[in-house]
Amino acid sequence: MTGLILHEYPASGNCYKIRLVAAHLGLPLERTSYDIMKGETRTAEFLRDVNPNGRIPVLQDGARLLAESNAACFYLADGSELVPDDRFERADMLHWMFWEQYNHEPNIATLRLWMRFVGLDALSEAQRMQIKNKREAGLAALGLMDDHLEKHRFLAAGRFTVADICLFAYTHLADEADFDLEAYPAIVAWMERIMTLPRHVGLAD
C-alpha cells in the first residue's frame, strides 16, 4: 500500500472506522476533508474524480479508489492480526460487518446525523415519519449486540478484529442520537476494552 489517502468528513463514524483501522496497524494515512453539509461531495469534480456515487469515505491507494467504509477497512486489514485466518471466524467477522451496514448504521448513524447535524426542524416530512421506526430498529440492534457481548469479549473469533472497529465507530456515538448506552452494560464494557487498547485513537484525533 502506497500513498494512502482518506477522502472523508471527519465527524463521520464511517470515516472514523477507517482511521481507526489504520491507527491499529500503524499505517500512515493522508486525510482530505469534504463538508457534506455544504454539498462538497456532489460537485462535478468529486463525482468525476473521487466517487460517482457522491458519498464518502473513499480510500485512495495510489491511483486506485475504494468506496464503502467496511470494504476499505477490510482492504487495510487483510493479512493482518485484525482479520482471522480461520475461514469460519473470518466469515463471522464479515457477518458482523455486513450486519453493521444493514441493521446498525442506517438507524443509529442516520438519527445522529439528523439530530446533531441537520436538525429535526429541517427534516422532510418523509424523514420525520421514519424516526420512530429507526429508533426502534436502533434499540433492537443495540440489544442484540449487548446480548452477544454478555457472552463474548469481542464480536468474532474470540479477539479484537475489524468487526469490533466497524461496530465501535457508531456505537460509541449512539448517545448523540439519544440512545442510552448505560442501558447496555455489556456494550459499555466492550467499548472500554477497545478504548484501552494501545493504538486506539478517538474520533477527534
C-alpha atoms as a PDB file:
ATOM      1  CA  MET A   1       0.000   0.000   0.000  1.00  0.00           C
ATOM      2  CA  THR A   2       1.455   3.316  -1.048  1.00  0.00           C
ATOM      3  CA  GLY A   3       0.151   6.849  -0.816  1.00  0.00           C
ATOM      4  CA  LEU A   4      -2.944   6.103   1.255  1.00  0.00           C
ATOM      5  CA  ILE A   5      -5.422   8.997   1.214  1.00  0.00           C
ATOM      6  CA  LEU A   6      -8.755   9.052   3.019  1.00  0.00           C
ATOM      7  CA  HIS A   7     -11.397  11.267   1.444  1.00  0.00           C
ATOM      8  CA  GLU A   8     -13.606  11.977   4.428  1.00  0.00           C
ATOM      9  CA  TYR A   9     -15.994  14.040   6.505  1.00  0.00           C
ATOM     10  CA  PRO A  10     -14.137  13.998   9.865  1.00  0.00           C
ATOM     11  CA  ALA A  11     -17.257  13.801  12.049  1.00  0.00           C
ATOM     12  CA  SER A  12     -18.500  10.693  10.236  1.00  0.00           C
ATOM     13  CA  GLY A  13     -18.292   7.376  12.032  1.00  0.00           C
ATOM     14  CA  ASN A  14     -17.863   5.620   8.697  1.00  0.00           C
ATOM     15  CA  CYS A  15     -14.738   7.696   8.042  1.00  0.00           C
ATOM     16  CA  TYR A  16     -13.533   7.264  11.610  1.00  0.00           C
ATOM     17  CA  LYS A  17     -13.554   3.473  11.390  1.00  0.00           C
ATOM     18  CA  ILE A  18     -11.038   3.601   8.524  1.00  0.00           C
ATOM     19  CA  ARG A  19      -8.780   5.942  10.507  1.00  0.00           C
ATOM     20  CA  LEU A  20      -9.061   3.572  13.473  1.00  0.00           C
ATOM     21  CA  VAL A  21      -8.045   0.531  11.424  1.00  0.00           C
ATOM     22  CA  ALA A  22      -5.063   2.463  10.069  1.00  0.00           C
ATOM     23  CA  ALA A  23      -4.090   3.534  13.590  1.00  0.00           C
ATOM     24  CA  HIS A  24      -4.174  -0.031  14.916  1.00  0.00           C
ATOM     25  CA  LEU A  25      -1.986  -1.160  12.024  1.00  0.00           C
ATOM     26  CA  GLY A  26       0.399   1.800  12.202  1.00  0.00           C
ATOM     27  CA  LEU A  27      -0.415   2.833   8.621  1.00  0.00           C
ATOM     28  CA  PRO A  28       0.166   6.475   7.649  1.00  0.00           C
ATOM     29  CA  LEU A  29      -2.996   7.997   6.213  1.00  0.00           C
ATOM     30  CA  GLU A  30      -3.269  11.357   4.496  1.00  0.00           C
ATOM     31  CA  ARG A  31      -6.679  12.954   5.000  1.00  0.00           C
ATOM     32  CA  THR A  32      -8.669  15.114   2.578  1.00  0.00           C
ATOM     33  CA  SER A  33     -11.825  16.597   4.078  1.00  0.00           C
ATOM     34  CA  TYR A  34     -15.140  17.487   2.460  1.00  0.00           C
ATOM     35  CA  ASP A  35     -18.121  19.175   4.074  1.00  0.00           C
ATOM     36  CA  ILE A  36     -21.131  17.028   3.252  1.00  0.00           C
ATOM     37  CA  MET A  37     -23.429  19.651   4.768  1.00  0.00           C
ATOM     38  CA  LYS A  38     -22.289  22.062   2.027  1.00  0.00           C
ATOM     39  CA  GLY A  39     -22.665  19.531  -0.772  1.00  0.00           C
ATOM     40  CA  GLU A  40     -18.930  19.183  -1.401  1.00  0.00           C
ATOM     41  CA  THR A  41     -19.293  15.510  -2.352  1.00  0.00           C
ATOM     42  CA  ARG A  42     -21.876  16.372  -5.005  1.00  0.00           C
ATOM     43  CA  THR A  43     -19.717  18.603  -7.156  1.00  0.00           C
ATOM     44  CA  ALA A  44     -18.904  17.623 -10.725  1.00  0.00           C
ATOM     45  CA  GLU A  45     -15.231  17.334  -9.776  1.00  0.00           C
ATOM     46  CA  PHE A  46     -15.871  14.987  -6.850  1.00  0.00           C
ATOM     47  CA  LEU A  47     -18.260  12.829  -8.861  1.00  0.00           C
ATOM     48  CA  ARG A  48     -15.736  12.593 -11.683  1.00  0.00           C
ATOM     49  CA  ASP A  49     -12.516  12.149  -9.722  1.00  0.00           C
ATOM     50  CA  VAL A  50     -13.434  10.504  -6.399  1.00  0.00           C
ATOM     51  CA  ASN A  51     -16.796   8.707  -6.282  1.00  0.00           C
ATOM     52  CA  PRO A  52     -19.586   8.828  -8.876  1.00  0.00           C
ATOM     53  CA  ASN A  53     -21.940   7.802  -6.065  1.00  0.00           C
ATOM     54  CA  GLY A  54     -21.265  11.149  -4.372  1.00  0.00           C
ATOM     55  CA  ARG A  55     -20.507   9.683  -0.966  1.00  0.00           C
ATOM     56  CA  ILE A  56     -17.626   9.374   1.450  1.00  0.00           C
ATOM     57  CA  PRO A  57     -15.500   7.804   2.792  1.00  0.00           C
ATOM     58  CA  VAL A  58     -13.351   6.833  -0.154  1.00  0.00           C
ATOM     59  CA  LEU A  59      -9.951   5.264   0.426  1.00  0.00           C
ATOM     60  CA  GLN A  60      -7.346   6.031  -2.204  1.00  0.00           C
ATOM     61  CA  ASP A  61      -4.268   3.829  -2.615  1.00  0.00           C
ATOM     62  CA  GLY A  62      -2.097   5.378  -5.275  1.00  0.00           C
ATOM     63  CA  ALA A  63      -4.341   5.770  -8.307  1.00  0.00           C
ATOM     64  CA  ARG A  64      -6.947   3.284  -7.056  1.00  0.00           C
ATOM     65  CA  LEU A  65     -10.124   4.377  -5.285  1.00  0.00           C
ATOM     66  CA  LEU A  66     -12.221   2.220  -2.971  1.00  0.00           C
ATOM     67  CA  ALA A  67     -15.629   3.331  -1.729  1.00  0.00           C
ATOM     68  CA  GLU A  68     -17.740   1.864   1.124  1.00  0.00           C
ATOM     69  CA  SER A  69     -16.285   2.093   4.612  1.00  0.00           C
ATOM     70  CA  ASN A  70     -16.273  -1.570   5.575  1.00  0.00           C
ATOM     71  CA  ALA A  71     -14.687  -2.594   2.274  1.00  0.00           C
ATOM     72  CA  ALA A  72     -11.947  -0.035   2.924  1.00  0.00           C
ATOM     73  CA  CYS A  73     -11.464  -1.359   6.469  1.00  0.00           C
ATOM     74  CA  PHE A  74     -11.116  -4.905   5.196  1.00  0.00           C
ATOM     75  CA  TYR A  75      -8.694  -3.804   2.477  1.00  0.00           C
ATOM     76  CA  LEU A  76      -6.390  -2.177   5.033  1.00  0.00           C
ATOM     77  CA  ALA A  77      -6.596  -5.051   7.498  1.00  0.00           C
ATOM     78  CA  ASP A  78      -6.476  -8.044   5.160  1.00  0.00           C
ATOM     79  CA  GLY A  79      -3.464 -10.183   6.079  1.00  0.00           C
ATOM     80  CA  SER A  80      -3.049  -8.553   9.489  1.00  0.00           C
ATOM     81  CA  GLU A  81      -3.889  -9.658  13.025  1.00  0.00           C
ATOM     82  CA  LEU A  82      -7.219  -7.830  12.693  1.00  0.00           C
ATOM     83  CA  VAL A  83      -8.536 -10.486  10.276  1.00  0.00           C
ATOM     84  CA  PRO A  84      -8.786 -14.128  11.455  1.00  0.00           C
ATOM     85  CA  ASP A  85      -7.042 -16.840   9.455  1.00  0.00           C
ATOM     86  CA  ASP A  86      -9.742 -19.433  10.176  1.00  0.00           C
ATOM     87  CA  ARG A  87     -12.370 -19.463   7.405  1.00  0.00           C
ATOM     88  CA  PHE A  88     -15.375 -19.610   9.716  1.00  0.00           C
ATOM     89  CA  GLU A  89     -14.037 -16.957  12.065  1.00  0.00           C
ATOM     90  CA  ARG A  90     -13.245 -14.704   9.122  1.00  0.00           C
ATOM     91  CA  ALA A  91     -16.761 -15.200   7.731  1.00  0.00           C
ATOM     92  CA  ASP A  92     -18.255 -14.498  11.158  1.00  0.00           C
ATOM     93  CA  MET A  93     -16.258 -11.276  11.307  1.00  0.00           C
ATOM     94  CA  LEU A  94     -17.684 -10.332   7.901  1.00  0.00           C
ATOM     95  CA  HIS A  95     -21.165 -11.252   9.097  1.00  0.00           C
ATOM     96  CA  TRP A  96     -20.912  -8.567  11.806  1.00  0.00           C
ATOM     97  CA  MET A  97     -19.553  -6.059   9.295  1.00  0.00           C
ATOM     98  CA  PHE A  98     -22.438  -6.705   6.901  1.00  0.00           C
ATOM     99  CA  TRP A  99     -24.914  -6.562   9.794  1.00  0.00           C
ATOM    100  CA  GLU A 100     -23.480  -3.217  10.859  1.00  0.00           C
ATOM    101  CA  GLN A 101     -24.259  -1.669   7.490  1.00  0.00           C
ATOM    102  CA  TYR A 102     -27.736  -3.203   7.251  1.00  0.00           C
ATOM    103  CA  ASN A 103     -29.130  -3.137  10.815  1.00  0.00           C
ATOM    104  CA  HIS A 104     -26.986  -0.754  12.847  1.00  0.00           C
ATOM    105  CA  GLU A 105     -25.590   2.146  10.808  1.00  0.00           C
ATOM    106  CA  PRO A 106     -28.783   3.001   8.847  1.00  0.00           C
ATOM    107  CA  ASN A 107     -30.604   3.593  12.133  1.00  0.00           C
ATOM    108  CA  ILE A 108     -28.171   4.859  14.762  1.00  0.00           C
ATOM    109  CA  ALA A 109     -25.936   6.820  12.392  1.00  0.00           C
ATOM    110  CA  THR A 110     -28.856   8.314  10.481  1.00  0.00           C
ATOM    111  CA  LEU A 111     -30.580   9.508  13.656  1.00  0.00           C
ATOM    112  CA  ARG A 112     -27.285  11.026  14.838  1.00  0.00           C
ATOM    113  CA  LEU A 113     -26.930  12.865  11.525  1.00  0.00           C
ATOM    114  CA  TRP A 114     -30.477  14.156  11.617  1.00  0.00           C
ATOM    115  CA  MET A 115     -30.398  15.213  15.266  1.00  0.00           C
ATOM    116  CA  ARG A 116     -26.878  16.637  15.563  1.00  0.00           C
ATOM    117  CA  PHE A 117     -26.061  17.995  12.117  1.00  0.00           C
ATOM    118  CA  VAL A 118     -29.250  18.513  10.106  1.00  0.00           C
ATOM    119  CA  GLY A 119     -31.700  19.433  12.868  1.00  0.00           C
ATOM    120  CA  LEU A 120     -35.152  17.941  13.331  1.00  0.00           C
ATOM    121  CA  ASP A 121     -36.832  21.120  12.114  1.00  0.00           C
ATOM    122  CA  ALA A 122     -35.005  20.842   8.794  1.00  0.00           C
ATOM    123  CA  LEU A 123     -36.110  17.268   8.084  1.00  0.00           C
ATOM    124  CA  SER A 124     -38.604  16.476   5.374  1.00  0.00           C
ATOM    125  CA  GLU A 125     -41.962  15.022   6.310  1.00  0.00           C
ATOM    126  CA  ALA A 126     -40.838  11.652   4.925  1.00  0.00           C
ATOM    127  CA  GLN A 127     -37.739  11.726   7.148  1.00  0.00           C
ATOM    128  CA  ARG A 128     -39.722  12.660  10.257  1.00  0.00           C
ATOM    129  CA  MET A 129     -42.043   9.734   9.603  1.00  0.00           C
ATOM    130  CA  GLN A 130     -39.029   7.386   9.709  1.00  0.00           C
ATOM    131  CA  ILE A 131     -37.764   8.463  13.130  1.00  0.00           C
ATOM    132  CA  LYS A 132     -39.902   6.097  15.202  1.00  0.00           C
ATOM    133  CA  ASN A 133     -39.017   3.035  13.110  1.00  0.00           C
ATOM    134  CA  LYS A 134     -35.330   3.941  13.039  1.00  0.00           C
ATOM    135  CA  ARG A 135     -35.262   4.375  16.799  1.00  0.00           C
ATOM    136  CA  GLU A 136     -36.945   1.004  17.346  1.00  0.00           C
ATOM    137  CA  ALA A 137     -34.515  -0.656  14.925  1.00  0.00           C
ATOM    138  CA  GLY A 138     -31.579   1.054  16.634  1.00  0.00           C
ATOM    139  CA  LEU A 139     -32.722  -0.195  20.024  1.00  0.00           C
ATOM    140  CA  ALA A 140     -33.063  -3.707  18.618  1.00  0.00           C
ATOM    141  CA  ALA A 141     -29.536  -3.547  17.189  1.00  0.00           C
ATOM    142  CA  LEU A 142     -28.049  -2.401  20.488  1.00  0.00           C
ATOM    143  CA  GLY A 143     -29.998  -5.082  22.330  1.00  0.00           C
ATOM    144  CA  LEU A 144     -28.678  -7.803  20.037  1.00  0.00           C
ATOM    145  CA  MET A 145     -25.111  -6.558  20.470  1.00  0.00           C
ATOM    146  CA  ASP A 146     -25.462  -6.394  24.241  1.00  0.00           C
ATOM    147  CA  ASP A 147     -26.811  -9.951  24.414  1.00  0.00           C
ATOM    148  CA  HIS A 148     -23.903 -11.231  22.318  1.00  0.00           C
ATOM    149  CA  LEU A 149     -21.291  -9.286  24.273  1.00  0.00           C
ATOM    150  CA  GLU A 150     -22.567 -10.649  27.572  1.00  0.00           C
ATOM    151  CA  LYS A 151     -21.106 -13.968  26.416  1.00  0.00           C
ATOM    152  CA  HIS A 152     -18.140 -12.795  24.326  1.00  0.00           C
ATOM    153  CA  ARG A 153     -15.362 -10.271  24.999  1.00  0.00           C
ATOM    154  CA  PHE A 154     -15.318  -9.284  21.330  1.00  0.00           C
ATOM    155  CA  LEU A 155     -17.707  -9.785  18.432  1.00  0.00           C
ATOM    156  CA  ALA A 156     -15.949 -12.543  16.481  1.00  0.00           C
ATOM    157  CA  ALA A 157     -13.084 -15.018  16.699  1.00  0.00           C
ATOM    158  CA  GLY A 158     -12.706 -14.514  20.462  1.00  0.00           C
ATOM    159  CA  ARG A 159     -10.489 -11.473  19.935  1.00  0.00           C
ATOM    160  CA  PHE A 160     -10.356  -7.920  18.618  1.00  0.00           C
ATOM    161  CA  THR A 161     -10.992  -7.795  14.846  1.00  0.00           C
ATOM    162  CA  VAL A 162     -12.110  -5.371  12.160  1.00  0.00           C
ATOM    163  CA  ALA A 163     -15.701  -6.200  13.135  1.00  0.00           C
ATOM    164  CA  ASP A 164     -15.186  -4.556  16.521  1.00  0.00           C
ATOM    165  CA  ILE A 165     -13.799  -1.424  14.880  1.00  0.00           C
ATOM    166  CA  CYS A 166     -16.703  -1.197  12.436  1.00  0.00           C
ATOM    167  CA  LEU A 167     -19.297  -1.563  15.215  1.00  0.00           C
ATOM    168  CA  PHE A 168     -17.460   0.640  17.690  1.00  0.00           C
ATOM    169  CA  ALA A 169     -17.473   3.642  15.359  1.00  0.00           C
ATOM    170  CA  TYR A 170     -21.170   4.464  15.615  1.00  0.00           C
ATOM    171  CA  THR A 171     -21.990   2.557  18.795  1.00  0.00           C
ATOM    172  CA  HIS A 172     -19.799   4.838  20.893  1.00  0.00           C
ATOM    173  CA  LEU A 173     -21.629   7.831  19.362  1.00  0.00           C
ATOM    174  CA  ALA A 174     -25.126   6.448  19.899  1.00  0.00           C
ATOM    175  CA  ASP A 175     -25.765   8.811  22.801  1.00  0.00           C
ATOM    176  CA  GLU A 176     -25.595  11.662  20.269  1.00  0.00           C
ATOM    177  CA  ALA A 177     -28.776  10.181  18.812  1.00  0.00           C
ATOM    178  CA  ASP A 178     -30.363   9.953  22.291  1.00  0.00           C
ATOM    179  CA  PHE A 179     -29.740   6.238  22.791  1.00  0.00           C
ATOM    180  CA  ASP A 180     -28.979   5.465  26.446  1.00  0.00           C
ATOM    181  CA  LEU A 181     -25.826   3.353  26.320  1.00  0.00           C
ATOM    182  CA  GLU A 182     -25.877   2.870  30.091  1.00  0.00           C
ATOM    183  CA  ALA A 183     -28.806   0.528  29.476  1.00  0.00           C
ATOM    184  CA  TYR A 184     -26.368  -1.855  27.770  1.00  0.00           C
ATOM    185  CA  PRO A 185     -23.660  -2.778  30.296  1.00  0.00           C
ATOM    186  CA  ALA A 186     -22.027  -5.408  28.096  1.00  0.00           C
ATOM    187  CA  ILE A 187     -21.642  -2.850  25.305  1.00  0.00           C
ATOM    188  CA  VAL A 188     -20.152  -0.328  27.724  1.00  0.00           C
ATOM    189  CA  ALA A 189     -17.623  -2.909  28.966  1.00  0.00           C
ATOM    190  CA  TRP A 190     -16.745  -3.831  25.362  1.00  0.00           C
ATOM    191  CA  MET A 191     -16.232  -0.163  24.443  1.00  0.00           C
ATOM    192  CA  GLU A 192     -13.962   0.292  27.451  1.00  0.00           C
ATOM    193  CA  ARG A 193     -11.880  -2.724  26.344  1.00  0.00           C
ATOM    194  CA  ILE A 194     -11.476  -1.170  22.900  1.00  0.00           C
ATOM    195  CA  MET A 195     -10.674   2.331  24.165  1.00  0.00           C
ATOM    196  CA  THR A 196      -7.857   0.999  26.349  1.00  0.00           C
ATOM    197  CA  LEU A 197      -6.116  -0.860  23.512  1.00  0.00           C
ATOM    198  CA  PRO A 198      -2.616   0.567  22.894  1.00  0.00           C
ATOM    199  CA  ARG A 199      -3.168   2.086  19.449  1.00  0.00           C
ATOM    200  CA  HIS A 200      -6.709   3.338  19.920  1.00  0.00           C
ATOM    201  CA  VAL A 201      -7.471   6.856  18.693  1.00  0.00           C
ATOM    202  CA  GLY A 202     -10.592   8.927  19.243  1.00  0.00           C
ATOM    203  CA  LEU A 203     -12.920  10.481  16.696  1.00  0.00           C
ATOM    204  CA  ALA A 204     -11.301  13.884  17.094  1.00  0.00           C
ATOM    205  CA  ASP A 205      -7.697  12.640  16.885  1.00  0.00           C
END
